[in-house]
Amino acid sequence: MPGLVDVHTHFMPERVLRKVWAYFDGLGPLTGGIEWPITYREEEAERAALLRAFGVRAFTAMLYPHKPGMARWLNGWAAGFARRTPDCLHTSTFFPEPGAAAYVCEALEHGTRVFKAHVQVGGYDPADEALDACWGLLAEAGTPVVVHCGSGPAPGRHTGPGPMARVLARHPRLRLIVAHLGMPEYEDFLDLAERYAEVRLDTTMAFTGFSERMAPFPRRALPRLAALGDRVLLGTDFPNIPYPYAHQLDALAELALGDDWLRAVCHDNAARLFGLPDTPKPPA
């Protein structure tokens, strides 16, 4: 395997990231009141170097607004980060606000390869009409979007499978990547992946000791996850994780779903999705 492709890592403007860390340290409501010590608090360049040392050959800059007026500014920062970090897949975001479709179109024109939406933190309904044009643009472009739409670690007003199911009913070709396997509504989001050929799931924090204590994955659903082996992608939440990076990899290996499944999840599926060099051929 050439290395890992991690579709769920966070790089943000430093002052924004420090506020995120302070929120975790303060056990903010969206953490579910769970102690969440951040393992990797290094400076930006050191964090990127750590990922490379772990064997990650491509990663993302998952960033997200929590109020109107933030998204365009975050996208400008992310474009600069992608320029100075060639192994980062250029990432952008959006928020339900006037002009959202215009700046999503701009981001696509400037080479964005993946988008991030955070329904829980943003507190918005992804099926809001204000976002319909954004989802349409992404579906038409075939650009993946990682969405935190599950109700973990704490439910929001618009989390759970229902709102994203309404989005997919309107935009069935949307390349949705469900963050955290949809934790804790794992089986409901597996339903969506089985219904829509372009829906994928990322493994962020799933099966780790931390998440299994909070929201265990139902073992009866493992055969379904194995059957979706070409649409499950490695995600970790680095650097905002309360354990070493390797623990996520160990947790996936311990599922014993086979070397082919593990290789596909950790590298091949994302390499194919993003057209990375040495992309493997699709499975027969």
Protein backbone atom coordinates (compact mmCIF):
# COMPACT_ATOMS: atom_id res chain seq x y z
CA MET A 1 0.00 0.00 0.00
CA PRO A 2 1.49 3.39 -0.99
CA GLY A 3 0.27 4.96 2.25
CA LEU A 4 -2.88 6.23 3.93
CA VAL A 5 -5.49 8.68 2.65
CA ASP A 6 -7.28 10.39 5.54
CA VAL A 7 -10.43 12.21 4.42
CA HIS A 8 -11.25 13.71 7.82
CA THR A 9 -8.46 15.82 9.32
CA HIS A 10 -8.82 19.36 10.62
CA PHE A 11 -6.66 22.30 9.62
CA MET A 12 -8.08 25.77 10.30
CA PRO A 13 -6.84 29.29 10.98
CA GLU A 14 -4.88 29.02 14.21
CA ARG A 15 -7.14 31.29 16.25
CA VAL A 16 -10.19 29.27 15.13
CA LEU A 17 -8.53 25.97 16.00
CA ARG A 18 -7.50 27.29 19.42
CA LYS A 19 -11.15 28.18 20.08
CA VAL A 20 -12.18 24.66 19.05
CA TRP A 21 -9.64 23.19 21.48
CA ALA A 22 -10.85 25.51 24.24
CA TYR A 23 -14.41 24.30 23.60
CA PHE A 24 -13.31 20.68 24.03
CA ASP A 25 -11.29 21.58 27.14
CA GLY A 26 -14.33 23.30 28.61
CA LEU A 27 -16.60 20.29 27.95
CA GLY A 28 -18.90 22.37 25.76
CA PRO A 29 -22.45 21.05 25.24
CA LEU A 30 -21.70 19.58 21.79
CA THR A 31 -19.02 17.32 23.30
CA GLY A 32 -21.75 15.50 25.20
CA GLY A 33 -20.04 16.53 28.44
CA ILE A 34 -17.35 13.90 27.85
CA GLU A 35 -13.72 14.58 28.75
CA TRP A 36 -11.90 15.01 25.45
CA PRO A 37 -8.18 15.74 25.86
CA ILE A 38 -6.68 16.83 22.52
CA THR A 39 -3.65 14.66 21.74
CA TYR A 40 -1.96 16.71 19.00
CA ARG A 41 -1.63 20.39 19.91
CA GLU A 42 1.46 21.07 17.82
CA GLU A 43 1.77 24.05 15.50
CA GLU A 44 0.35 23.73 11.98
CA ALA A 45 3.55 22.70 10.18
CA GLU A 46 4.36 20.14 12.86
CA ARG A 47 0.88 18.63 12.62
CA ALA A 48 1.22 18.21 8.85
CA ALA A 49 4.67 16.67 9.34
CA LEU A 50 3.23 14.24 11.88
CA LEU A 51 0.60 13.04 9.41
CA ARG A 52 3.30 12.40 6.82
CA ALA A 53 5.34 10.52 9.41
CA PHE A 54 2.28 8.36 10.11
CA GLY A 55 2.26 7.40 6.42
CA VAL A 56 -0.56 9.70 5.30
CA ARG A 57 -0.05 10.69 1.65
CA ALA A 58 -3.17 12.86 1.29
CA PHE A 59 -5.39 14.55 3.87
CA THR A 60 -8.04 17.26 4.17
CA ALA A 61 -8.55 20.58 5.94
CA MET A 62 -12.03 20.04 7.39
CA LEU A 63 -13.22 23.48 8.49
CA TYR A 64 -16.73 24.74 9.08
CA PRO A 65 -18.63 27.91 10.04
CA HIS A 66 -21.02 28.22 12.97
CA LYS A 67 -22.63 31.47 11.84
CA PRO A 68 -23.28 33.51 8.67
CA GLY A 69 -20.37 35.43 7.18
CA MET A 70 -17.67 32.91 8.12
CA ALA A 71 -17.64 30.46 5.22
CA ARG A 72 -16.20 32.68 2.48
CA TRP A 73 -13.40 33.81 4.82
CA LEU A 74 -12.62 30.21 5.83
CA ASN A 75 -12.54 29.21 2.17
CA GLY A 76 -9.99 31.93 1.45
CA TRP A 77 -7.77 30.63 4.23
CA ALA A 78 -8.18 27.03 3.06
CA ALA A 79 -7.16 27.95 -0.50
CA GLY A 80 -3.92 29.41 0.85
CA PHE A 81 -3.33 26.35 3.03
CA ALA A 82 -3.80 24.05 0.03
CA ARG A 83 -1.31 26.10 -2.01
CA ARG A 84 1.39 25.77 0.65
CA THR A 85 0.50 22.15 1.51
CA PRO A 86 0.47 20.13 -1.73
CA ASP A 87 -0.58 16.86 -0.05
CA CYS A 88 -3.73 18.50 1.35
CA LEU A 89 -6.87 17.98 -0.71
CA HIS A 90 -8.16 21.55 -1.16
CA THR A 91 -11.17 21.80 1.17
CA SER A 92 -14.01 24.35 1.35
CA THR A 93 -17.23 24.81 3.30
CA PHE A 94 -20.59 26.64 3.20
CA PHE A 95 -23.47 27.87 5.38
CA PRO A 96 -27.17 28.55 4.64
CA GLU A 97 -26.95 32.26 3.86
CA PRO A 98 -27.43 34.61 0.91
CA GLY A 99 -24.62 34.18 -1.61
CA ALA A 100 -23.72 30.63 -0.54
CA ALA A 101 -24.18 29.20 -4.04
CA ALA A 102 -21.96 31.96 -5.47
CA TYR A 103 -19.03 31.24 -3.18
CA VAL A 104 -19.44 27.46 -3.58
CA CYS A 105 -19.22 28.01 -7.34
CA GLU A 106 -16.11 30.19 -6.79
CA ALA A 107 -14.50 27.50 -4.65
CA LEU A 108 -15.14 24.86 -7.31
CA GLU A 109 -13.65 27.11 -9.98
CA HIS A 110 -10.55 27.57 -7.79
CA GLY A 111 -9.95 23.84 -7.50
CA THR A 112 -11.71 22.72 -4.33
CA ARG A 113 -11.69 18.92 -4.22
CA VAL A 114 -13.82 18.26 -1.13
CA PHE A 115 -16.31 20.22 0.98
CA LYS A 116 -17.16 19.99 4.67
CA ALA A 117 -20.52 20.67 6.32
CA HIS A 118 -21.20 20.37 10.04
CA VAL A 119 -24.92 20.16 10.75
CA GLN A 120 -24.44 19.77 14.51
CA VAL A 121 -22.14 22.79 15.02
CA GLY A 122 -23.86 24.93 12.40
CA GLY A 123 -27.27 24.19 13.88
CA TYR A 124 -28.96 24.26 10.46
CA ASP A 125 -31.20 21.95 8.47
CA PRO A 126 -29.18 20.59 5.52
CA ALA A 127 -32.46 20.36 3.59
CA ASP A 128 -32.98 24.13 4.00
CA GLU A 129 -33.91 25.65 0.64
CA ALA A 130 -31.06 28.14 1.07
CA LEU A 131 -28.64 25.24 0.51
CA ASP A 132 -30.45 23.51 -2.33
CA ALA A 133 -28.41 25.23 -5.04
CA CYS A 134 -25.17 24.34 -3.18
CA TRP A 135 -26.05 20.65 -3.07
CA GLY A 136 -27.01 20.83 -6.74
CA LEU A 137 -23.67 22.38 -7.70
CA LEU A 138 -21.75 19.70 -5.78
CA ALA A 139 -23.82 16.88 -7.27
CA GLU A 140 -23.30 18.24 -10.78
CA ALA A 141 -19.56 18.69 -10.25
CA GLY A 142 -19.16 15.26 -8.64
CA THR A 143 -17.26 16.89 -5.78
CA PRO A 144 -17.45 14.95 -2.50
CA VAL A 145 -18.78 16.59 0.65
CA VAL A 146 -18.06 15.27 4.15
CA VAL A 147 -21.06 15.97 6.37
CA HIS A 148 -21.25 15.56 10.13
CA CYS A 149 -24.94 14.67 10.17
CA GLY A 150 -25.13 11.96 12.85
CA SER A 151 -26.23 12.82 16.38
CA GLY A 152 -22.94 12.02 18.12
CA PRO A 153 -21.46 13.03 20.45
CA ALA A 154 -24.56 15.13 21.24
CA PRO A 155 -27.74 15.49 19.16
CA GLY A 156 -28.57 18.73 17.42
CA ARG A 157 -31.86 20.10 16.12
CA HIS A 158 -31.19 18.79 12.63
CA THR A 159 -28.92 15.77 13.14
CA GLY A 160 -29.90 12.21 12.31
CA PRO A 161 -30.64 10.54 8.97
CA GLY A 162 -33.91 12.33 8.14
CA PRO A 163 -32.60 15.73 6.96
CA MET A 164 -29.84 14.25 4.78
CA ALA A 165 -32.31 11.71 3.37
CA ARG A 166 -34.38 14.67 2.17
CA VAL A 167 -31.28 16.21 0.55
CA LEU A 168 -30.48 12.94 -1.21
CA ALA A 169 -34.06 12.57 -2.45
CA ARG A 170 -33.55 15.87 -4.31
CA HIS A 171 -29.93 15.21 -5.30
CA PRO A 172 -29.45 11.42 -5.62
CA ARG A 173 -26.07 11.80 -7.37
CA LEU A 174 -24.56 13.81 -4.51
CA ARG A 175 -21.22 12.34 -3.42
CA LEU A 176 -22.00 12.44 0.28
CA ILE A 177 -19.42 11.15 2.78
CA VAL A 178 -21.13 10.57 6.12
CA ALA A 179 -18.68 11.47 8.89
CA HIS A 180 -18.15 9.09 11.83
CA LEU A 181 -20.14 6.34 10.02
CA GLY A 182 -23.18 8.39 11.11
CA MET A 183 -22.56 7.76 14.83
CA PRO A 184 -24.73 6.82 16.70
CA GLU A 185 -27.35 6.20 13.95
CA TYR A 186 -24.99 3.79 12.22
CA GLU A 187 -27.60 1.47 10.74
CA ASP A 188 -29.80 4.29 9.46
CA PHE A 189 -26.87 5.75 7.54
CA LEU A 190 -25.95 2.31 6.24
CA ASP A 191 -29.49 2.26 4.84
CA LEU A 192 -28.76 5.48 2.94
CA ALA A 193 -25.47 4.10 1.60
CA GLU A 194 -27.24 0.98 0.40
CA ARG A 195 -29.95 3.07 -1.27
CA TYR A 196 -27.71 5.65 -2.99
CA ALA A 197 -24.68 4.53 -4.99
CA GLU A 198 -22.69 7.73 -4.34
CA VAL A 199 -23.09 7.76 -0.56
CA ARG A 200 -19.94 6.86 1.35
CA LEU A 201 -19.03 6.69 5.03
CA ASP A 202 -15.86 7.69 6.85
CA THR A 203 -14.51 5.82 9.84
CA THR A 204 -13.71 8.84 11.99
CA MET A 205 -13.42 7.70 15.63
CA ALA A 206 -15.54 4.61 14.96
CA PHE A 207 -14.54 1.40 16.77
CA THR A 208 -12.03 3.19 19.01
CA GLY A 209 -12.23 2.52 22.73
CA PHE A 210 -13.38 6.13 23.22
CA SER A 211 -16.34 5.84 20.84
CA GLU A 212 -17.27 2.29 21.76
CA ARG A 213 -17.86 3.45 25.33
CA MET A 214 -20.02 6.31 24.10
CA ALA A 215 -21.81 4.84 21.05
CA PRO A 216 -20.84 1.25 20.22
CA PHE A 217 -21.18 0.10 16.64
CA PRO A 218 -23.72 -2.78 16.49
CA ARG A 219 -21.79 -5.93 15.61
CA ARG A 220 -24.82 -7.27 13.72
CA ALA A 221 -24.17 -4.50 11.16
CA LEU A 222 -20.55 -5.50 10.42
CA PRO A 223 -21.50 -7.67 7.40
CA ARG A 224 -23.25 -4.65 5.88
CA LEU A 225 -20.15 -2.52 6.45
CA ALA A 226 -17.99 -5.23 4.88
CA ALA A 227 -20.29 -5.38 1.85
CA LEU A 228 -19.85 -1.62 1.37
CA GLY A 229 -16.09 -2.05 1.35
CA ASP A 230 -15.58 0.09 -1.75
CA ARG A 231 -17.42 3.06 -0.17
CA VAL A 232 -15.89 3.22 3.30
CA LEU A 233 -13.05 5.73 3.72
CA LEU A 234 -10.48 6.28 6.43
CA GLY A 235 -11.16 9.32 8.59
CA THR A 236 -9.63 10.10 11.98
CA ASP A 237 -10.48 13.66 13.24
CA PHE A 238 -6.75 14.39 13.67
CA PRO A 239 -5.61 16.43 15.56
CA ASN A 240 -8.76 16.65 17.70
CA ILE A 241 -8.61 13.11 19.05
CA PRO A 242 -8.20 11.94 22.67
CA TYR A 243 -5.86 9.04 21.81
CA PRO A 244 -2.86 8.32 19.54
CA TYR A 245 -3.47 8.31 15.76
CA ALA A 246 -2.51 4.64 15.46
CA HIS A 247 -5.40 3.62 17.71
CA GLN A 248 -7.86 4.33 14.87
CA LEU A 249 -5.88 2.05 12.55
CA ASP A 250 -5.63 -0.68 15.17
CA ALA A 251 -9.38 -0.49 15.79
CA LEU A 252 -10.10 -1.02 12.10
CA ALA A 253 -7.62 -3.89 11.82
CA GLU A 254 -9.17 -5.60 14.84
CA LEU A 255 -12.50 -5.87 13.01
CA ALA A 256 -10.86 -8.69 11.02
CA LEU A 257 -12.77 -7.87 7.84
CA GLY A 258 -9.79 -8.90 5.73
CA ASP A 259 -6.72 -7.30 4.21
CA ASP A 260 -8.54 -6.33 1.01
CA TRP A 261 -11.21 -4.43 2.97
CA LEU A 262 -8.62 -2.73 5.15
CA ARG A 263 -6.46 -1.71 2.18
CA ALA A 264 -9.50 -0.33 0.36
CA VAL A 265 -10.62 1.68 3.39
CA CYS A 266 -7.20 3.04 4.29
CA HIS A 267 -6.08 3.92 0.78
CA ASP A 268 -7.70 2.58 -2.38
CA ASN A 269 -11.24 3.96 -2.07
CA ALA A 270 -10.20 7.55 -1.41
CA ALA A 271 -7.34 7.36 -3.94
CA ARG A 272 -9.89 6.35 -6.57
CA LEU A 273 -12.42 8.98 -5.49
CA PHE A 274 -9.88 11.81 -5.69
CA GLY A 275 -7.89 10.47 -8.65
CA LEU A 276 -4.60 10.33 -6.77
CA PRO A 277 -1.43 9.01 -8.47
CA ASP A 278 -1.13 5.22 -8.43
CA THR A 279 -4.91 4.97 -8.10
CA PRO A 280 -5.87 1.30 -8.08
CA LYS A 281 -8.31 -0.09 -10.61
CA PRO A 282 -11.88 -0.45 -9.38
CA PRO A 283 -12.79 -3.88 -7.98
CA ALA A 284 -14.36 -6.33 -10.41
